[in-house]
């Protein structure tokens, strides 16, 4: 019997069946469904698997490392830009190593469907010198979790597992395995490796370097890396992760004619690569993301003209791969690809009808003729759509928490009426430290926390900020006289405009909390939020 699951769901079920004790994550498309699936799982509840959302990716990874420290199997989940936030602990735990299996699942977003960039997380894994796994289909994502935890515990290293949007959000039938019991608590015999003082860190780094040959051996012998030599010696193909499917959709009927190296585990299996290189006149590297493998091959061989891919212009440098693009690079379509007909006229994304963010932006827009139209610093969340028509309110969107610190820098440079707009969850994720910077110098900026009581952009997950924002701001040192609350509704428009106008005149830090629950929250969710707020106050 098969279960029809998203790639994210298959991976989540695989982690449960492989003996998971805790998943730590911050919501971020295209990774969110992994944690949500475990949170909804009856089996996960029975096994008492920890599933609460973390405040940000850094705290998530540190907590997962703590669970691994005591011998349990832990998973930490995020989207690609979240790994930037967690990179400090990520790099250092590669040096300290782990105890219980620890798998870092990162969902990359080629084509930037819901992201600021297309960065390729494989580079982080290579940077940290740890094993990298990259499933090519949903069944492999499920099966890979068993292997990933085993590999982590064998090598005493974290394992990076890279997903991509197309695999995360497509479905296939999955055959499940017999479930393993979670590990018992088993503290490390020597804790000095987790205390990265220089004298310990140097020893650990030497050990990490010493494991690199073992990592290559594992890749050479991995069931995830398969080399098939065909009759056609004109071209050999290295297909990485999901790109293997795009290759096979083109050559499936003539598979025996082509030489293909499927790569789903890194470091690269060098001997297999060498055999393919010797067998074929040229090598086409097909990978979703950056040209990591293509770059490596240029370092491996002197005959670089043989290596084709993104750097050579045979494949596009940006966006996702697809069967048509790969087919063209193999010379199967000549120089022309028939365009895919548009069935639905595209339109830019918009805020939901009745969204409180819209009323907040209308409040700000009312004052733009007085304050200027280039000084609204935005952040990551639904309200980022305020940068688009018809609102056209926000001027900048860079990364989580950047609204406050960019507004501060602009004010430090002499800008007047600098406004930072940040959501409640983004504020607790990475905005609090920026506020402390501003409070320390009493920088003349106005910070608007648009509090909709949810991590709304990724599906209205629970926000850790609920009921805590005022106390956090006061605790950081915001002047109580300049900590205001407004309710963004049309009937309150004039009143809200006056509150904002007054705070903009203050030559110091002012914070306005704009409170209105997300319209996507159910009545039960809103009642639960009221109860949580009452319990905290």
Protein backbone atom coordinates (compact mmCIF):
# COMPACT_ATOMS: atom_id res chain seq x y z
CA UNK A 1 0.00 0.00 0.00
CA UNK A 2 1.27 3.46 -0.92
CA UNK A 3 0.62 6.86 0.63
CA UNK A 4 0.29 9.84 -1.71
CA UNK A 5 2.59 12.46 -0.19
CA UNK A 6 4.31 15.72 -1.04
CA UNK A 7 8.07 15.49 -1.14
CA UNK A 8 8.11 17.44 2.14
CA UNK A 9 5.59 15.06 3.69
CA UNK A 10 7.50 11.99 2.51
CA UNK A 11 10.65 13.35 4.13
CA UNK A 12 8.74 14.11 7.34
CA UNK A 13 7.25 10.62 7.50
CA UNK A 14 10.68 9.18 6.82
CA UNK A 15 12.12 11.10 9.77
CA UNK A 16 9.38 9.82 12.09
CA UNK A 17 9.91 6.23 10.95
CA UNK A 18 13.70 6.59 11.28
CA UNK A 19 13.48 7.26 15.03
CA UNK A 20 13.10 11.04 15.26
CA UNK A 21 12.80 12.59 18.73
CA UNK A 22 12.49 16.26 17.82
CA UNK A 23 12.06 18.61 14.87
CA UNK A 24 13.07 22.25 15.23
CA UNK A 25 12.14 24.81 12.58
CA UNK A 26 11.00 28.27 11.64
CA UNK A 27 8.32 28.49 8.92
CA UNK A 28 9.65 29.29 5.47
CA UNK A 29 8.41 28.32 2.01
CA UNK A 30 9.19 25.80 0.54
CA UNK A 31 10.07 23.94 3.77
CA UNK A 32 7.04 24.58 6.00
CA UNK A 33 5.03 21.42 5.28
CA UNK A 34 7.76 19.20 6.76
CA UNK A 35 7.22 20.43 10.29
CA UNK A 36 3.45 20.85 9.85
CA UNK A 37 3.14 17.22 8.79
CA UNK A 38 4.92 16.05 11.94
CA UNK A 39 2.81 18.39 14.08
CA UNK A 40 -0.36 16.84 12.63
CA UNK A 41 0.89 13.25 12.85
CA UNK A 42 -0.97 11.06 15.33
CA UNK A 43 2.07 8.80 15.53
CA UNK A 44 4.37 11.73 16.29
CA UNK A 45 2.08 12.74 19.14
CA UNK A 46 2.07 9.19 20.52
CA UNK A 47 5.86 9.11 20.35
CA UNK A 48 6.01 12.56 22.03
CA UNK A 49 8.18 13.99 19.27
CA UNK A 50 8.97 17.64 19.96
CA UNK A 51 7.39 19.80 17.22
CA UNK A 52 6.97 23.38 18.51
CA UNK A 53 8.09 26.17 16.16
CA UNK A 54 11.30 27.94 17.14
CA UNK A 55 11.78 31.72 17.24
CA UNK A 56 14.29 31.60 14.38
CA UNK A 57 16.55 29.19 12.49
CA UNK A 58 19.57 29.79 14.72
CA UNK A 59 17.71 28.87 17.90
CA UNK A 60 16.20 25.89 16.08
CA UNK A 61 19.60 24.53 15.07
CA UNK A 62 21.09 25.07 18.51
CA UNK A 63 18.17 23.24 20.14
CA UNK A 64 18.53 20.37 17.65
CA UNK A 65 22.22 20.16 18.53
CA UNK A 66 21.26 20.02 22.21
CA UNK A 67 18.93 17.09 21.52
CA UNK A 68 21.69 15.37 19.55
CA UNK A 69 24.10 16.01 22.44
CA UNK A 70 22.05 13.74 24.70
CA UNK A 71 22.01 10.99 22.06
CA UNK A 72 18.58 11.51 20.46
CA UNK A 73 17.88 11.87 16.75
CA UNK A 74 16.99 15.45 15.83
CA UNK A 75 16.09 17.29 12.64
CA UNK A 76 16.23 21.02 11.95
CA UNK A 77 14.25 22.42 9.01
CA UNK A 78 14.41 25.75 7.18
CA UNK A 79 14.41 27.38 3.77
CA UNK A 80 17.69 28.31 2.12
CA UNK A 81 17.93 31.89 3.41
CA UNK A 82 17.23 30.55 6.90
CA UNK A 83 20.56 28.75 6.76
CA UNK A 84 22.21 32.19 6.61
CA UNK A 85 20.64 32.93 9.99
CA UNK A 86 21.80 29.58 11.41
CA UNK A 87 25.22 29.53 9.76
CA UNK A 88 27.15 30.30 12.96
CA UNK A 89 26.08 27.14 14.76
CA UNK A 90 26.00 25.18 11.48
CA UNK A 91 29.68 25.79 10.78
CA UNK A 92 30.74 25.21 14.37
CA UNK A 93 28.81 21.98 14.92
CA UNK A 94 30.62 20.54 11.90
CA UNK A 95 33.76 21.04 14.01
CA UNK A 96 32.31 19.82 17.33
CA UNK A 97 30.53 16.94 15.64
CA UNK A 98 27.29 15.44 16.94
CA UNK A 99 26.23 12.57 19.17
CA UNK A 100 22.74 11.43 18.21
CA UNK A 101 21.94 11.72 14.49
CA UNK A 102 21.35 15.30 13.37
CA UNK A 103 19.93 16.08 9.91
CA UNK A 104 19.77 19.66 8.65
CA UNK A 105 17.00 19.88 6.04
CA UNK A 106 17.17 22.95 3.83
CA UNK A 107 14.66 23.64 1.05
CA UNK A 108 16.15 25.75 -1.72
CA UNK A 109 13.99 27.86 -4.03
CA UNK A 110 15.35 27.99 -7.61
CA UNK A 111 13.42 30.59 -9.64
CA UNK A 112 12.68 32.48 -6.39
CA UNK A 113 9.00 31.53 -6.19
CA UNK A 114 8.85 32.98 -2.67
CA UNK A 115 12.37 34.13 -1.84
CA UNK A 116 14.87 36.96 -2.15
CA UNK A 117 17.55 34.89 -3.89
CA UNK A 118 18.38 31.52 -5.47
CA UNK A 119 21.30 30.56 -3.23
CA UNK A 120 22.38 26.93 -3.32
CA UNK A 121 22.73 25.29 0.10
CA UNK A 122 25.13 22.67 -1.24
CA UNK A 123 27.83 25.34 -0.99
CA UNK A 124 27.21 25.59 2.75
CA UNK A 125 27.62 21.82 3.08
CA UNK A 126 30.85 21.93 1.09
CA UNK A 127 32.00 24.92 3.19
CA UNK A 128 31.33 22.98 6.39
CA UNK A 129 32.90 19.80 4.93
CA UNK A 130 29.99 17.56 5.89
CA UNK A 131 27.95 14.99 3.91
CA UNK A 132 25.27 16.41 1.60
CA UNK A 133 22.26 14.44 0.40
CA UNK A 134 19.94 15.52 -2.42
CA UNK A 135 16.91 13.33 -3.23
CA UNK A 136 15.70 13.04 -6.79
CA UNK A 137 12.14 11.95 -5.95
CA UNK A 138 9.66 11.59 -3.10
CA UNK A 139 10.45 7.93 -2.36
CA UNK A 140 14.13 8.77 -2.15
CA UNK A 141 13.34 11.63 0.23
CA UNK A 142 11.57 9.15 2.50
CA UNK A 143 14.24 6.45 2.31
CA UNK A 144 17.04 8.96 2.65
CA UNK A 145 16.04 9.89 6.20
CA UNK A 146 16.98 6.42 7.48
CA UNK A 147 20.33 6.63 5.73
CA UNK A 148 20.93 10.25 6.81
CA UNK A 149 20.53 9.53 10.52
CA UNK A 150 22.66 6.40 10.29
CA UNK A 151 25.37 8.27 8.40
CA UNK A 152 25.30 11.13 10.91
CA UNK A 153 25.78 8.76 13.82
CA UNK A 154 28.47 6.75 12.06
CA UNK A 155 30.57 9.79 11.14
CA UNK A 156 29.54 11.85 14.20
CA UNK A 157 28.76 14.73 11.85
CA UNK A 158 25.61 16.65 10.95
CA UNK A 159 24.21 15.76 7.52
CA UNK A 160 22.79 18.41 5.18
CA UNK A 161 19.78 17.27 3.16
CA UNK A 162 18.84 19.61 0.33
CA UNK A 163 15.32 19.82 -1.08
CA UNK A 164 14.11 22.13 -3.87
CA UNK A 165 10.70 23.69 -4.42
CA UNK A 166 9.60 21.42 -7.26
CA UNK A 167 10.28 18.27 -5.23
CA UNK A 168 8.97 19.71 -1.96
CA UNK A 169 5.59 20.59 -3.49
CA UNK A 170 4.86 17.67 -5.83
CA UNK A 171 3.25 14.35 -4.87
CA UNK A 172 4.01 10.68 -5.45
CA UNK A 173 3.10 7.33 -3.95
CA UNK A 174 5.40 6.33 -1.09
CA UNK A 175 6.12 2.86 0.29
CA UNK A 176 6.97 3.06 3.99
CA UNK A 177 9.42 0.93 5.94
CA UNK A 178 9.25 -0.64 9.38
CA UNK A 179 9.56 2.07 11.99
CA UNK A 180 12.59 2.29 14.25
CA UNK A 181 12.33 3.16 17.93
CA UNK A 182 13.83 6.48 19.07
CA UNK A 183 17.26 6.40 20.66
CA UNK A 184 17.62 6.26 24.41
CA UNK A 185 19.42 9.12 26.15
CA UNK A 186 23.16 8.50 25.81
CA UNK A 187 25.43 11.36 26.81
CA UNK A 188 28.78 11.72 25.03
CA UNK A 189 31.70 10.05 26.80
CA UNK A 190 33.90 13.10 26.13
CA UNK A 191 32.20 16.48 26.25
CA UNK A 192 35.34 18.50 25.50
CA UNK A 193 34.61 18.38 21.76
CA UNK A 194 31.46 20.39 22.37
CA UNK A 195 33.42 23.07 24.25
CA UNK A 196 35.06 24.83 21.31
CA UNK A 197 37.80 26.64 23.15
CA UNK A 198 40.76 27.03 20.78
CA UNK A 199 42.68 24.08 22.23
CA UNK A 200 39.66 21.79 21.73
CA UNK A 201 38.57 23.34 18.43
CA UNK A 202 41.98 22.74 16.84
CA UNK A 203 41.79 19.02 17.67
CA UNK A 204 38.25 18.80 16.38
CA UNK A 205 39.09 20.61 13.16
CA UNK A 206 41.95 18.17 12.56
CA UNK A 207 39.46 15.32 13.07
CA UNK A 208 37.03 16.92 10.60
CA UNK A 209 39.79 17.18 7.99
CA UNK A 210 40.71 13.56 8.72
CA UNK A 211 37.15 12.42 7.96
CA UNK A 212 37.11 13.82 4.42
CA UNK A 213 38.46 10.65 2.79
CA UNK A 214 35.75 8.65 4.57
CA UNK A 215 33.10 11.04 3.23
CA UNK A 216 34.35 10.46 -0.32
CA UNK A 217 34.40 6.68 0.24
CA UNK A 218 30.81 6.80 1.42
CA UNK A 219 29.82 8.72 -1.72
CA UNK A 220 31.70 6.31 -3.99
CA UNK A 221 29.86 3.36 -2.50
CA UNK A 222 26.49 5.02 -1.88
CA UNK A 223 23.33 3.52 -3.36
CA UNK A 224 22.38 7.13 -4.09
CA UNK A 225 25.14 7.63 -6.67
CA UNK A 226 24.78 5.42 -9.75
CA UNK A 227 26.83 5.33 -12.95
CA UNK A 228 25.48 3.78 -16.15
CA UNK A 229 27.75 3.69 -19.21
CA UNK A 230 25.96 3.74 -22.57
CA UNK A 231 26.85 3.21 -26.19
CA UNK A 232 26.91 6.89 -27.08
CA UNK A 233 30.35 8.23 -26.20
CA UNK A 234 29.71 11.71 -27.56
CA UNK A 235 28.15 12.99 -24.37
CA UNK A 236 28.00 11.88 -20.75
CA UNK A 237 25.55 13.36 -18.26
CA UNK A 238 25.96 14.15 -14.57
CA UNK A 239 22.46 14.65 -13.17
CA UNK A 240 22.10 15.97 -9.61
CA UNK A 241 19.05 15.50 -7.41
CA UNK A 242 15.76 16.41 -9.06
CA UNK A 243 17.56 17.19 -12.34
CA UNK A 244 17.94 13.43 -12.83
CA UNK A 245 14.20 13.31 -13.57
CA UNK A 246 14.50 15.98 -16.25
CA UNK A 247 17.26 13.98 -17.91
CA UNK A 248 15.35 10.70 -17.79
CA UNK A 249 12.19 12.29 -19.20
CA UNK A 250 14.23 13.04 -22.30
CA UNK A 251 16.27 9.84 -22.69
CA UNK A 252 14.06 7.27 -20.98
CA UNK A 253 13.19 5.41 -24.18
CA UNK A 254 16.81 5.45 -25.30
CA UNK A 255 18.43 5.08 -21.88
CA UNK A 256 21.01 2.48 -22.93
CA UNK A 257 22.53 4.90 -25.44
CA UNK A 258 23.50 7.48 -22.85
CA UNK A 259 26.07 7.45 -20.07
CA UNK A 260 24.57 8.93 -16.91
CA UNK A 261 25.98 9.52 -13.45
CA UNK A 262 23.15 10.17 -10.99
CA UNK A 263 24.43 12.14 -8.00
CA UNK A 264 22.41 12.37 -4.79
CA UNK A 265 25.24 12.29 -2.25
CA UNK A 266 28.23 14.57 -1.87
CA UNK A 267 31.24 14.97 -1.82
CA UNK A 268 31.27 13.95 -5.48
CA UNK A 269 32.16 10.30 -6.14
CA UNK A 270 35.43 11.13 -7.87
CA UNK A 271 36.18 7.68 -9.28
CA UNK A 272 32.76 7.48 -10.93
CA UNK A 273 33.25 10.97 -12.32
CA UNK A 274 36.67 9.97 -13.68
CA UNK A 275 35.27 6.88 -15.41
CA UNK A 276 32.53 8.95 -17.05
CA UNK A 277 35.03 11.60 -18.11
CA UNK A 278 37.28 8.99 -19.74
CA UNK A 279 34.34 7.28 -21.46
CA UNK A 280 32.77 10.35 -23.11
CA UNK A 281 33.95 13.17 -25.33
CA UNK A 282 32.10 15.80 -23.32
CA UNK A 283 30.21 15.98 -20.01
CA UNK A 284 26.93 17.85 -19.50
CA UNK A 285 26.28 18.76 -15.86
CA UNK A 286 22.59 19.19 -15.05
CA UNK A 287 21.92 20.63 -11.59
CA UNK A 288 19.20 22.81 -10.08
CA UNK A 289 20.81 25.81 -8.42
CA UNK A 290 24.35 27.10 -8.76
CA UNK A 291 27.00 25.35 -10.91
CA UNK A 292 28.67 23.66 -7.94
CA UNK A 293 29.43 20.34 -9.64
CA UNK A 294 30.42 22.05 -12.88
CA UNK A 295 32.92 24.21 -10.99
CA UNK A 296 34.35 21.16 -9.22
CA UNK A 297 34.87 19.36 -12.51
CA UNK A 298 36.81 22.31 -13.87
CA UNK A 299 39.17 21.79 -10.92
CA UNK A 300 39.40 18.03 -11.42
CA UNK A 301 40.37 17.98 -15.11
CA UNK A 302 42.67 19.92 -17.44
CA UNK A 303 40.39 19.42 -20.45
CA UNK A 304 37.82 21.99 -19.32
CA UNK A 305 36.35 22.33 -22.80
CA UNK A 306 34.78 18.93 -22.21
CA UNK A 307 32.69 20.25 -19.29
CA UNK A 308 29.35 21.76 -20.31
CA UNK A 309 26.58 23.24 -18.22
CA UNK A 310 25.62 26.61 -16.79
CA UNK A 311 29.08 28.17 -16.95
CA UNK A 312 29.47 27.19 -20.62
CA UNK A 313 26.06 28.60 -21.53
CA UNK A 314 24.61 25.21 -22.49
CA UNK A 315 22.08 25.58 -19.65
CA UNK A 316 20.56 28.80 -18.27
CA UNK A 317 22.37 30.26 -15.27
CA UNK A 318 19.17 31.33 -13.46
CA UNK A 319 15.87 29.69 -12.57
CA UNK A 320 14.79 26.06 -12.36
CA UNK A 321 15.75 23.40 -14.84
CA UNK A 322 12.94 21.55 -16.63
CA UNK A 323 12.64 18.74 -19.20
CA UNK A 324 12.44 21.15 -22.15
CA UNK A 325 15.58 23.04 -21.14
CA UNK A 326 17.50 19.81 -20.58
CA UNK A 327 16.22 18.33 -23.84
CA UNK A 328 17.45 21.35 -25.76
CA UNK A 329 20.89 21.13 -24.10
CA UNK A 330 21.08 17.49 -25.26
CA UNK A 331 20.31 18.56 -28.81
CA UNK A 332 16.97 16.79 -28.92
CA UNK A 333 14.89 19.84 -29.92
CA UNK A 334 17.33 21.61 -32.21
CA UNK A 335 17.50 25.27 -31.29
CA UNK A 336 13.82 25.85 -30.69
CA UNK A 337 11.54 25.06 -27.78
CA UNK A 338 7.82 25.54 -28.23
CA UNK A 339 6.58 27.96 -25.55
CA UNK A 340 4.15 26.67 -22.98
CA UNK A 341 0.78 28.31 -23.67
CA UNK A 342 -0.51 30.60 -20.93
CA UNK A 343 -3.82 29.32 -19.59
CA UNK A 344 -4.37 31.96 -16.93
CA UNK A 345 -3.31 35.58 -17.23
CA UNK A 346 -0.73 36.20 -14.50
CA UNK A 347 -1.29 38.91 -11.93
CA UNK A 348 0.91 40.18 -9.10
CA UNK A 349 0.20 38.76 -5.64
CA UNK A 350 -2.07 40.80 -3.41
CA UNK A 351 -2.94 41.03 0.26
CA UNK A 352 -6.08 39.16 1.31
CA UNK A 353 -9.38 41.04 1.27
CA UNK A 354 -9.86 42.64 4.67
CA UNK A 355 -6.18 42.33 5.68
CA UNK A 356 -5.12 44.67 8.47
CA UNK A 357 -1.84 45.37 6.67
CA UNK A 358 -3.78 47.19 3.94
CA UNK A 359 -5.34 49.59 6.43
CA UNK A 360 -1.93 50.15 8.03
CA UNK A 361 -0.37 51.01 4.66
CA UNK A 362 -3.24 53.38 3.91
CA UNK A 363 -2.39 55.13 7.18
CA UNK A 364 1.27 55.48 6.17
CA UNK A 365 0.39 56.55 2.62
CA UNK A 366 -1.73 59.37 3.99
CA UNK A 367 1.47 60.91 5.41
CA UNK A 368 3.81 60.27 2.48
CA UNK A 369 3.18 63.74 0.95
CA UNK A 370 4.41 65.21 4.27
CA UNK A 371 7.35 62.92 4.98
CA UNK A 372 8.61 61.79 1.56
CA UNK A 373 8.19 58.59 -0.44
CA UNK A 374 11.63 56.95 -0.13
CA UNK A 375 11.92 56.33 3.60
CA UNK A 376 9.73 53.30 4.37
CA UNK A 377 11.92 50.31 5.24
CA UNK A 378 10.15 46.96 4.96
CA UNK A 379 10.70 43.42 6.08
CA UNK A 380 9.89 39.80 5.24
CA UNK A 381 6.25 38.77 5.58
CA UNK A 382 2.85 39.21 3.93
CA UNK A 383 3.23 42.96 4.35
CA UNK A 384 6.12 42.84 1.87
CA UNK A 385 3.35 43.09 -0.74
CA UNK A 386 3.09 46.73 0.34
CA UNK A 387 6.02 47.28 -2.03
CA UNK A 388 3.74 46.50 -5.01
CA UNK A 389 0.81 48.32 -6.63
CA UNK A 390 -1.71 49.48 -5.66
CA UNK A 391 -0.15 50.35 -2.28
CA UNK A 392 3.45 51.18 -3.30
CA UNK A 393 4.31 51.96 0.32
CA UNK A 394 7.50 50.04 1.11
CA UNK A 395 10.85 50.92 -0.44
CA UNK A 396 13.21 48.17 0.81
CA UNK A 397 13.03 44.40 1.46
CA UNK A 398 16.33 42.65 2.13
CA UNK A 399 16.21 40.05 4.91
CA UNK A 400 14.51 39.16 8.17
CA UNK A 401 14.83 42.06 10.60
CA UNK A 402 16.57 44.47 8.22
CA UNK A 403 13.79 47.08 8.34
CA UNK A 404 14.77 48.37 11.79
CA UNK A 405 18.53 48.36 11.27
CA UNK A 406 18.34 49.87 7.78
CA UNK A 407 16.05 52.62 9.10
CA UNK A 408 18.58 53.22 11.88
CA UNK A 409 21.46 53.46 9.42
CA UNK A 410 19.51 55.86 7.24
CA UNK A 411 18.66 58.00 10.27
CA UNK A 412 22.30 57.91 11.36
CA UNK A 413 23.14 59.33 7.93
CA UNK A 414 20.68 62.19 8.41
CA UNK A 415 17.39 60.91 6.96
CA UNK A 416 14.35 62.32 8.72
CA UNK A 417 11.05 60.46 9.19
CA UNK A 418 12.59 57.00 8.72
CA UNK A 419 9.91 54.34 9.24
CA UNK A 420 10.50 50.60 9.74
CA UNK A 421 7.59 48.22 9.11
CA UNK A 422 8.05 44.74 10.57
CA UNK A 423 5.70 41.86 11.42
CA UNK A 424 5.25 40.39 14.87
CA UNK A 425 6.93 37.07 14.07
CA UNK A 426 9.76 38.71 12.13
CA UNK A 427 10.31 41.08 15.05
CA UNK A 428 10.87 38.22 17.50
CA UNK A 429 12.83 36.30 14.84
CA UNK A 430 15.49 38.96 14.29
CA UNK A 431 14.13 42.44 14.92
CA UNK A 432 14.68 42.70 18.67
CA UNK A 433 18.43 43.18 18.45
CA UNK A 434 17.99 45.97 15.91
CA UNK A 435 15.56 47.68 18.26
CA UNK A 436 18.15 47.45 21.05
CA UNK A 437 20.71 49.12 18.78
CA UNK A 438 18.24 51.93 18.12
CA UNK A 439 17.32 52.30 21.80
CA UNK A 440 21.00 52.41 22.80
CA UNK A 441 21.46 55.57 20.74
CA UNK A 442 17.84 56.78 20.92
CA UNK A 443 17.89 56.94 17.13
CA UNK A 444 15.08 59.06 15.66
CA UNK A 445 13.11 56.34 13.87
CA UNK A 446 9.53 55.13 14.05
CA UNK A 447 9.08 51.36 14.16
CA UNK A 448 5.69 49.90 13.28
CA UNK A 449 5.17 46.29 14.35
CA UNK A 450 2.29 44.99 12.28
CA UNK A 451 0.94 42.37 14.68
CA UNK A 452 -1.46 39.90 13.08
CA UNK A 453 -0.86 37.19 15.72
CA UNK A 454 0.48 34.65 13.20
CA UNK A 455 3.31 33.70 10.87
CA UNK A 456 0.79 34.47 8.18
CA UNK A 457 2.83 34.36 4.98
CA UNK A 458 3.63 30.65 5.35
CA UNK A 459 0.18 29.48 6.41
CA UNK A 460 -0.74 31.25 9.67
CA UNK A 461 1.45 29.21 11.99
CA UNK A 462 1.59 30.13 15.66
CA UNK A 463 3.64 33.26 16.40
CA UNK A 464 5.83 33.29 19.52
CA UNK A 465 5.25 37.06 19.69
CA UNK A 466 1.58 36.76 20.67
CA UNK A 467 0.92 38.68 23.89
CA UNK A 468 4.57 39.57 24.41
CA UNK A 469 5.35 42.53 22.16
CA UNK A 470 4.70 45.36 24.63
CA UNK A 471 6.71 43.72 27.40
CA UNK A 472 9.57 42.96 25.01
CA UNK A 473 9.71 46.56 23.81
CA UNK A 474 9.60 47.93 27.34
CA UNK A 475 12.21 45.44 28.46
CA UNK A 476 14.52 46.51 25.65
CA UNK A 477 14.14 50.09 26.83
CA UNK A 478 11.54 51.78 24.65
CA UNK A 479 10.16 54.90 26.37
CA UNK A 480 6.61 54.00 27.58
CA UNK A 481 5.41 57.42 26.38
CA UNK A 482 6.42 56.46 22.85
CA UNK A 483 5.09 52.91 22.77
CA UNK A 484 1.68 53.17 21.16
CA UNK A 485 -0.99 50.71 20.05
CA UNK A 486 -3.36 51.18 17.14
CA UNK A 487 -6.03 49.00 15.51
CA UNK A 488 -5.81 49.19 11.70
CA UNK A 489 -9.43 49.57 10.63
CA UNK A 490 -11.00 52.06 8.24
CA UNK A 491 -13.05 53.57 11.05
CA UNK A 492 -9.82 54.33 12.96
CA UNK A 493 -7.99 55.80 9.96
CA UNK A 494 -7.87 59.46 11.01
CA UNK A 495 -6.97 58.59 14.59
CA UNK A 496 -4.17 56.28 13.42
CA UNK A 497 -2.79 58.92 11.06
CA UNK A 498 -2.54 61.37 13.97
CA UNK A 499 -0.74 58.82 16.18
CA UNK A 500 1.82 58.19 13.44
CA UNK A 501 2.22 61.89 12.65
CA UNK A 502 2.89 62.67 16.30
CA UNK A 503 5.44 59.88 16.74
CA UNK A 504 7.29 60.91 13.58
CA UNK A 505 7.92 64.30 15.22
CA UNK A 506 9.63 62.66 18.20
CA UNK A 507 13.42 62.77 17.88
CA UNK A 508 14.02 59.35 19.33
CA UNK A 509 12.87 55.74 19.11
CA UNK A 510 9.12 55.30 18.94
CA UNK A 511 7.28 52.00 18.47
CA UNK A 512 3.72 51.64 17.22
CA UNK A 513 2.13 48.20 17.54
CA UNK A 514 -0.59 47.78 14.93
CA UNK A 515 -2.82 45.01 16.33
CA UNK A 516 -5.31 43.06 14.25
CA UNK A 517 -5.47 39.25 13.87
CA UNK A 518 -4.85 37.73 10.44
CA UNK A 519 -8.09 37.30 8.48
CA UNK A 520 -7.06 33.72 7.68
CA UNK A 521 -7.23 32.68 11.33
CA UNK A 522 -10.27 30.63 12.27
CA UNK A 523 -12.61 31.62 15.09
CA UNK A 524 -11.10 28.88 17.26
CA UNK A 525 -7.59 30.14 16.57
CA UNK A 526 -8.59 33.68 17.50
CA UNK A 527 -10.17 32.45 20.73
CA UNK A 528 -6.99 30.49 21.53
CA UNK A 529 -4.91 33.63 20.93
CA UNK A 530 -7.14 35.63 23.30
CA UNK A 531 -6.67 32.95 25.95
CA UNK A 532 -2.88 33.00 25.51
CA UNK A 533 -2.78 36.79 25.80
CA UNK A 534 -4.95 36.68 28.93
CA UNK A 535 -2.66 34.07 30.50
CA UNK A 536 0.43 36.22 29.82
CA UNK A 537 -1.06 39.45 31.21
